[in-house]
Amino acid sequence: MKLNSYLNKIAQWINDDITKGICGDGSTTPTADDTSLESPISATEKSVEKELSGNSIKFTYTLYSTDGEFTVTEFGLKNDSGEFISRDVFPEIVKDSTVDLIIEKTFIIQ
């Protein structure tokens, strides 16, 4: 059995380490061996808001209407050194000057 106090420490470490989100327009299926987005859009790299609660971390990434116009199909979370913790691919989203794009991702350490 894994003890909650240790799971909470792992969650705290991830919370402290992951700082940024970034979108891209790649479409290949994500794998556990991915180390980056397939096709990152550098202008979408933004800091993420984080909410830590025990062994759960909720990341919130916001790309505001004033941040530009993009068509995105993938999203990743990473640290300041560029190491990714996740990569997700989804149907095309067109973000124009009338839209804020908000992506929320929650990790539960078990």
N, C-alpha and C. Protein backbone atom coordinates (compact mmCIF):
# COMPACT_ATOMS: atom_id res chain seq x y z
N MET A 1 0.84 -1.18 0.00
CA MET A 1 0.00 0.00 0.00
C MET A 1 0.89 1.24 0.00
N LYS A 2 0.58 2.17 -0.88
CA LYS A 2 1.29 3.46 -0.91
C LYS A 2 0.63 4.37 0.12
N LEU A 3 1.44 5.05 0.91
CA LEU A 3 0.91 5.92 1.95
C LEU A 3 0.60 7.31 1.40
N ASN A 4 -0.52 7.85 1.84
CA ASN A 4 -0.97 9.16 1.35
C ASN A 4 0.08 10.24 1.54
N SER A 5 0.80 10.22 2.65
CA SER A 5 1.79 11.28 2.90
C SER A 5 2.86 11.28 1.82
N TYR A 6 3.25 10.11 1.33
CA TYR A 6 4.26 10.05 0.27
C TYR A 6 3.66 10.45 -1.08
N LEU A 7 2.44 10.03 -1.35
CA LEU A 7 1.77 10.44 -2.59
C LEU A 7 1.63 11.96 -2.63
N ASN A 8 1.33 12.55 -1.48
CA ASN A 8 1.22 14.01 -1.41
C ASN A 8 2.56 14.68 -1.71
N LYS A 9 3.66 14.08 -1.26
CA LYS A 9 5.00 14.63 -1.55
C LYS A 9 5.28 14.59 -3.05
N ILE A 10 4.91 13.49 -3.71
CA ILE A 10 5.11 13.38 -5.16
C ILE A 10 4.28 14.45 -5.87
N ALA A 11 3.04 14.63 -5.44
CA ALA A 11 2.18 15.66 -6.04
C ALA A 11 2.79 17.04 -5.84
N GLN A 12 3.33 17.30 -4.64
CA GLN A 12 3.97 18.60 -4.36
C GLN A 12 5.15 18.82 -5.29
N TRP A 13 5.96 17.78 -5.52
CA TRP A 13 7.11 17.90 -6.40
C TRP A 13 6.67 18.24 -7.82
N ILE A 14 5.65 17.54 -8.32
CA ILE A 14 5.14 17.81 -9.67
C ILE A 14 4.58 19.23 -9.73
N ASN A 15 3.84 19.62 -8.71
CA ASN A 15 3.27 20.97 -8.65
C ASN A 15 4.37 22.03 -8.73
N ASP A 16 5.46 21.81 -8.00
CA ASP A 16 6.57 22.77 -8.00
C ASP A 16 7.33 22.78 -9.32
N ASP A 17 7.40 21.62 -9.99
CA ASP A 17 8.23 21.48 -11.19
C ASP A 17 7.55 21.99 -12.46
N ILE A 18 6.27 21.70 -12.64
CA ILE A 18 5.58 22.04 -13.89
C ILE A 18 5.12 23.50 -13.83
N THR A 19 5.50 24.27 -14.85
CA THR A 19 5.24 25.71 -14.84
C THR A 19 4.53 26.24 -16.08
N LYS A 20 4.57 25.49 -17.17
CA LYS A 20 4.09 26.05 -18.44
C LYS A 20 3.20 25.08 -19.20
N GLY A 21 2.35 25.66 -20.04
CA GLY A 21 1.57 24.90 -21.00
C GLY A 21 1.88 25.46 -22.38
N ILE A 22 1.70 24.63 -23.38
CA ILE A 22 1.93 25.06 -24.76
C ILE A 22 1.03 24.26 -25.69
N CYS A 23 0.55 24.92 -26.73
CA CYS A 23 -0.29 24.26 -27.73
C CYS A 23 0.50 24.04 -29.01
N GLY A 24 0.00 23.14 -29.82
CA GLY A 24 0.61 22.87 -31.11
C GLY A 24 -0.44 22.44 -32.11
N ASP A 25 0.02 22.10 -33.31
CA ASP A 25 -0.93 21.65 -34.33
C ASP A 25 -0.55 20.28 -34.89
N GLY A 26 0.08 19.46 -34.05
CA GLY A 26 0.40 18.10 -34.43
C GLY A 26 -0.81 17.19 -34.27
N SER A 27 -0.74 16.00 -34.89
CA SER A 27 -1.91 15.13 -34.86
C SER A 27 -1.59 13.66 -34.58
N THR A 28 -0.31 13.31 -34.42
CA THR A 28 -0.01 11.91 -34.15
C THR A 28 -0.50 11.52 -32.76
N THR A 29 -0.87 10.28 -32.60
CA THR A 29 -1.36 9.78 -31.33
C THR A 29 -0.27 9.89 -30.26
N PRO A 30 -0.59 10.44 -29.08
CA PRO A 30 0.41 10.53 -28.02
C PRO A 30 0.85 9.16 -27.53
N THR A 31 2.10 9.06 -27.11
CA THR A 31 2.62 7.84 -26.51
C THR A 31 3.34 8.20 -25.21
N ALA A 32 3.58 7.22 -24.38
CA ALA A 32 4.29 7.44 -23.12
C ALA A 32 5.75 7.83 -23.35
N ASP A 33 6.24 7.66 -24.57
CA ASP A 33 7.62 8.00 -24.89
C ASP A 33 7.78 9.40 -25.50
N ASP A 34 6.69 10.13 -25.68
CA ASP A 34 6.79 11.50 -26.23
C ASP A 34 7.62 12.37 -25.29
N THR A 35 8.45 13.22 -25.88
CA THR A 35 9.27 14.14 -25.09
C THR A 35 8.96 15.60 -25.41
N SER A 36 8.01 15.82 -26.32
CA SER A 36 7.62 17.18 -26.69
C SER A 36 6.32 17.09 -27.49
N LEU A 37 5.82 18.24 -27.88
CA LEU A 37 4.70 18.25 -28.82
C LEU A 37 5.24 17.90 -30.20
N GLU A 38 4.37 17.40 -31.05
CA GLU A 38 4.78 17.09 -32.42
C GLU A 38 5.11 18.37 -33.18
N SER A 39 4.26 19.38 -33.02
CA SER A 39 4.42 20.62 -33.76
C SER A 39 4.03 21.81 -32.89
N PRO A 40 4.91 22.20 -31.94
CA PRO A 40 4.57 23.28 -31.01
C PRO A 40 4.45 24.64 -31.69
N ILE A 41 3.57 25.46 -31.13
CA ILE A 41 3.42 26.85 -31.57
C ILE A 41 4.00 27.70 -30.45
N SER A 42 5.21 28.20 -30.64
CA SER A 42 5.95 28.85 -29.55
C SER A 42 5.20 30.04 -28.94
N ALA A 43 4.41 30.74 -29.74
CA ALA A 43 3.68 31.90 -29.23
C ALA A 43 2.60 31.52 -28.23
N THR A 44 2.29 30.23 -28.10
CA THR A 44 1.24 29.80 -27.16
C THR A 44 1.81 29.36 -25.82
N GLU A 45 3.13 29.39 -25.66
CA GLU A 45 3.72 28.97 -24.39
C GLU A 45 3.39 29.99 -23.31
N LYS A 46 2.69 29.53 -22.28
CA LYS A 46 2.22 30.41 -21.19
C LYS A 46 2.38 29.71 -19.86
N SER A 47 2.50 30.49 -18.81
CA SER A 47 2.51 29.94 -17.46
C SER A 47 1.14 29.35 -17.14
N VAL A 48 1.13 28.33 -16.30
CA VAL A 48 -0.12 27.71 -15.89
C VAL A 48 -0.41 28.06 -14.44
N GLU A 49 -1.70 28.13 -14.12
CA GLU A 49 -2.11 28.24 -12.74
C GLU A 49 -2.22 26.84 -12.19
N LYS A 50 -1.92 26.67 -10.89
CA LYS A 50 -1.92 25.33 -10.29
C LYS A 50 -2.70 25.37 -8.98
N GLU A 51 -3.39 24.26 -8.74
CA GLU A 51 -4.14 24.10 -7.50
C GLU A 51 -3.81 22.71 -6.95
N LEU A 52 -3.07 22.68 -5.84
CA LEU A 52 -2.65 21.44 -5.22
C LEU A 52 -3.57 21.12 -4.05
N SER A 53 -4.04 19.88 -4.00
CA SER A 53 -4.88 19.44 -2.89
C SER A 53 -4.53 17.98 -2.59
N GLY A 54 -3.71 17.78 -1.57
CA GLY A 54 -3.28 16.42 -1.22
C GLY A 54 -2.51 15.79 -2.35
N ASN A 55 -3.05 14.70 -2.92
CA ASN A 55 -2.37 13.99 -4.01
C ASN A 55 -2.90 14.38 -5.39
N SER A 56 -3.62 15.51 -5.47
CA SER A 56 -4.24 15.96 -6.72
C SER A 56 -3.72 17.35 -7.10
N ILE A 57 -3.40 17.50 -8.38
CA ILE A 57 -2.96 18.81 -8.91
C ILE A 57 -3.82 19.16 -10.10
N LYS A 58 -4.41 20.34 -10.06
CA LYS A 58 -5.20 20.83 -11.19
C LYS A 58 -4.40 21.96 -11.85
N PHE A 59 -4.13 21.80 -13.15
CA PHE A 59 -3.42 22.81 -13.94
C PHE A 59 -4.45 23.53 -14.81
N THR A 60 -4.37 24.85 -14.85
CA THR A 60 -5.25 25.64 -15.71
C THR A 60 -4.39 26.50 -16.62
N TYR A 61 -4.59 26.32 -17.91
CA TYR A 61 -3.86 27.05 -18.96
C TYR A 61 -4.86 27.94 -19.68
N THR A 62 -4.52 29.21 -19.84
CA THR A 62 -5.42 30.13 -20.53
C THR A 62 -4.68 30.85 -21.65
N LEU A 63 -5.24 30.76 -22.83
CA LEU A 63 -4.76 31.51 -23.98
C LEU A 63 -5.84 32.54 -24.27
N TYR A 64 -5.54 33.78 -23.97
CA TYR A 64 -6.54 34.85 -24.06
C TYR A 64 -6.79 35.28 -25.52
N SER A 65 -7.92 35.92 -25.73
CA SER A 65 -8.30 36.38 -27.07
C SER A 65 -7.23 37.31 -27.66
N THR A 66 -6.54 38.04 -26.81
CA THR A 66 -5.51 38.98 -27.26
C THR A 66 -4.16 38.32 -27.54
N ASP A 67 -4.04 37.01 -27.29
CA ASP A 67 -2.77 36.31 -27.47
C ASP A 67 -2.51 35.88 -28.91
N GLY A 68 -3.46 36.10 -29.80
CA GLY A 68 -3.24 35.74 -31.20
C GLY A 68 -4.29 34.77 -31.71
N GLU A 69 -4.13 34.41 -32.97
CA GLU A 69 -5.06 33.50 -33.63
C GLU A 69 -4.31 32.25 -34.05
N PHE A 70 -4.83 31.10 -33.63
CA PHE A 70 -4.16 29.83 -33.86
C PHE A 70 -5.20 28.74 -34.10
N THR A 71 -4.81 27.72 -34.81
CA THR A 71 -5.57 26.48 -34.89
C THR A 71 -4.74 25.45 -34.15
N VAL A 72 -5.32 24.88 -33.07
CA VAL A 72 -4.55 23.97 -32.23
C VAL A 72 -5.20 22.59 -32.19
N THR A 73 -4.35 21.58 -32.05
CA THR A 73 -4.81 20.19 -31.99
C THR A 73 -4.07 19.38 -30.92
N GLU A 74 -3.12 20.02 -30.24
CA GLU A 74 -2.39 19.31 -29.19
C GLU A 74 -2.00 20.29 -28.09
N PHE A 75 -1.79 19.73 -26.88
CA PHE A 75 -1.45 20.53 -25.71
C PHE A 75 -0.50 19.73 -24.83
N GLY A 76 0.45 20.43 -24.23
CA GLY A 76 1.36 19.78 -23.31
C GLY A 76 1.68 20.64 -22.11
N LEU A 77 2.04 19.97 -21.03
CA LEU A 77 2.52 20.64 -19.81
C LEU A 77 4.00 20.32 -19.66
N LYS A 78 4.78 21.34 -19.25
CA LYS A 78 6.23 21.13 -19.15
C LYS A 78 6.82 21.99 -18.05
N ASN A 79 8.09 21.73 -17.75
CA ASN A 79 8.78 22.56 -16.77
C ASN A 79 9.65 23.59 -17.48
N ASP A 80 10.35 24.40 -16.70
CA ASP A 80 11.18 25.46 -17.28
C ASP A 80 12.35 24.91 -18.10
N SER A 81 12.75 23.66 -17.84
CA SER A 81 13.85 23.04 -18.60
C SER A 81 13.37 22.43 -19.91
N GLY A 82 12.05 22.44 -20.14
CA GLY A 82 11.51 21.90 -21.38
C GLY A 82 11.08 20.45 -21.30
N GLU A 83 11.15 19.84 -20.11
CA GLU A 83 10.72 18.45 -19.95
C GLU A 83 9.20 18.41 -19.85
N PHE A 84 8.59 17.56 -20.66
CA PHE A 84 7.13 17.44 -20.68
C PHE A 84 6.66 16.37 -19.71
N ILE A 85 5.50 16.62 -19.09
CA ILE A 85 4.85 15.62 -18.25
C ILE A 85 3.65 15.02 -18.97
N SER A 86 3.12 15.74 -19.94
CA SER A 86 1.95 15.22 -20.66
C SER A 86 1.86 15.82 -22.06
N ARG A 87 1.19 15.07 -22.92
CA ARG A 87 0.86 15.53 -24.27
C ARG A 87 -0.50 14.95 -24.62
N ASP A 88 -1.41 15.82 -25.03
CA ASP A 88 -2.76 15.41 -25.42
C ASP A 88 -3.05 15.91 -26.82
N VAL A 89 -3.77 15.10 -27.59
CA VAL A 89 -4.21 15.47 -28.94
C VAL A 89 -5.74 15.47 -28.94
N PHE A 90 -6.33 16.44 -29.64
CA PHE A 90 -7.78 16.60 -29.64
C PHE A 90 -8.22 17.15 -30.99
N PRO A 91 -9.53 17.14 -31.26
CA PRO A 91 -10.03 17.72 -32.51
C PRO A 91 -9.65 19.20 -32.63
N GLU A 92 -9.50 19.64 -33.83
CA GLU A 92 -9.07 21.02 -34.13
C GLU A 92 -9.92 22.06 -33.41
N ILE A 93 -9.21 23.01 -32.77
CA ILE A 93 -9.85 24.17 -32.14
C ILE A 93 -9.29 25.41 -32.81
N VAL A 94 -10.17 26.25 -33.34
CA VAL A 94 -9.75 27.50 -33.95
C VAL A 94 -9.91 28.59 -32.90
N LYS A 95 -8.77 29.17 -32.48
CA LYS A 95 -8.78 30.23 -31.49
C LYS A 95 -8.51 31.54 -32.21
N ASP A 96 -9.53 32.39 -32.23
CA ASP A 96 -9.37 33.69 -32.90
C ASP A 96 -9.43 34.80 -31.86
N SER A 97 -9.51 36.04 -32.31
CA SER A 97 -9.46 37.19 -31.41
C SER A 97 -10.74 37.38 -30.60
N THR A 98 -11.73 36.51 -30.80
CA THR A 98 -12.97 36.62 -30.01
C THR A 98 -13.07 35.52 -28.96
N VAL A 99 -12.04 34.66 -28.86
CA VAL A 99 -12.13 33.47 -28.02
C VAL A 99 -10.97 33.40 -27.02
N ASP A 100 -11.29 33.08 -25.76
CA ASP A 100 -10.29 32.66 -24.79
C ASP A 100 -10.31 31.14 -24.78
N LEU A 101 -9.16 30.52 -24.86
CA LEU A 101 -9.05 29.06 -24.80
C LEU A 101 -8.55 28.70 -23.41
N ILE A 102 -9.33 27.91 -22.69
CA ILE A 102 -8.95 27.48 -21.34
C ILE A 102 -8.88 25.95 -21.33
N ILE A 103 -7.74 25.43 -20.93
CA ILE A 103 -7.54 23.98 -20.83
C ILE A 103 -7.25 23.67 -19.37
N GLU A 104 -8.01 22.74 -18.81
CA GLU A 104 -7.77 22.29 -17.44
C GLU A 104 -7.38 20.82 -17.48
N LYS A 105 -6.36 20.47 -16.70
CA LYS A 105 -5.90 19.09 -16.64
C LYS A 105 -5.59 18.77 -15.18
N THR A 106 -6.12 17.66 -14.72
CA THR A 106 -5.91 17.25 -13.33
C THR A 106 -5.14 15.94 -13.29
N PHE A 107 -4.13 15.90 -12.42
CA PHE A 107 -3.37 14.69 -12.16
C PHE A 107 -3.69 14.23 -10.74
N ILE A 108 -3.99 12.96 -10.59
CA ILE A 108 -4.19 12.36 -9.27
C ILE A 108 -3.10 11.30 -9.11
N ILE A 109 -2.24 11.50 -8.14
CA ILE A 109 -1.13 10.59 -7.90
C ILE A 109 -1.63 9.42 -7.06
N GLN A 110 -1.50 8.20 -7.62
CA GLN A 110 -2.00 7.01 -6.93
C GLN A 110 -0.93 5.96 -6.78
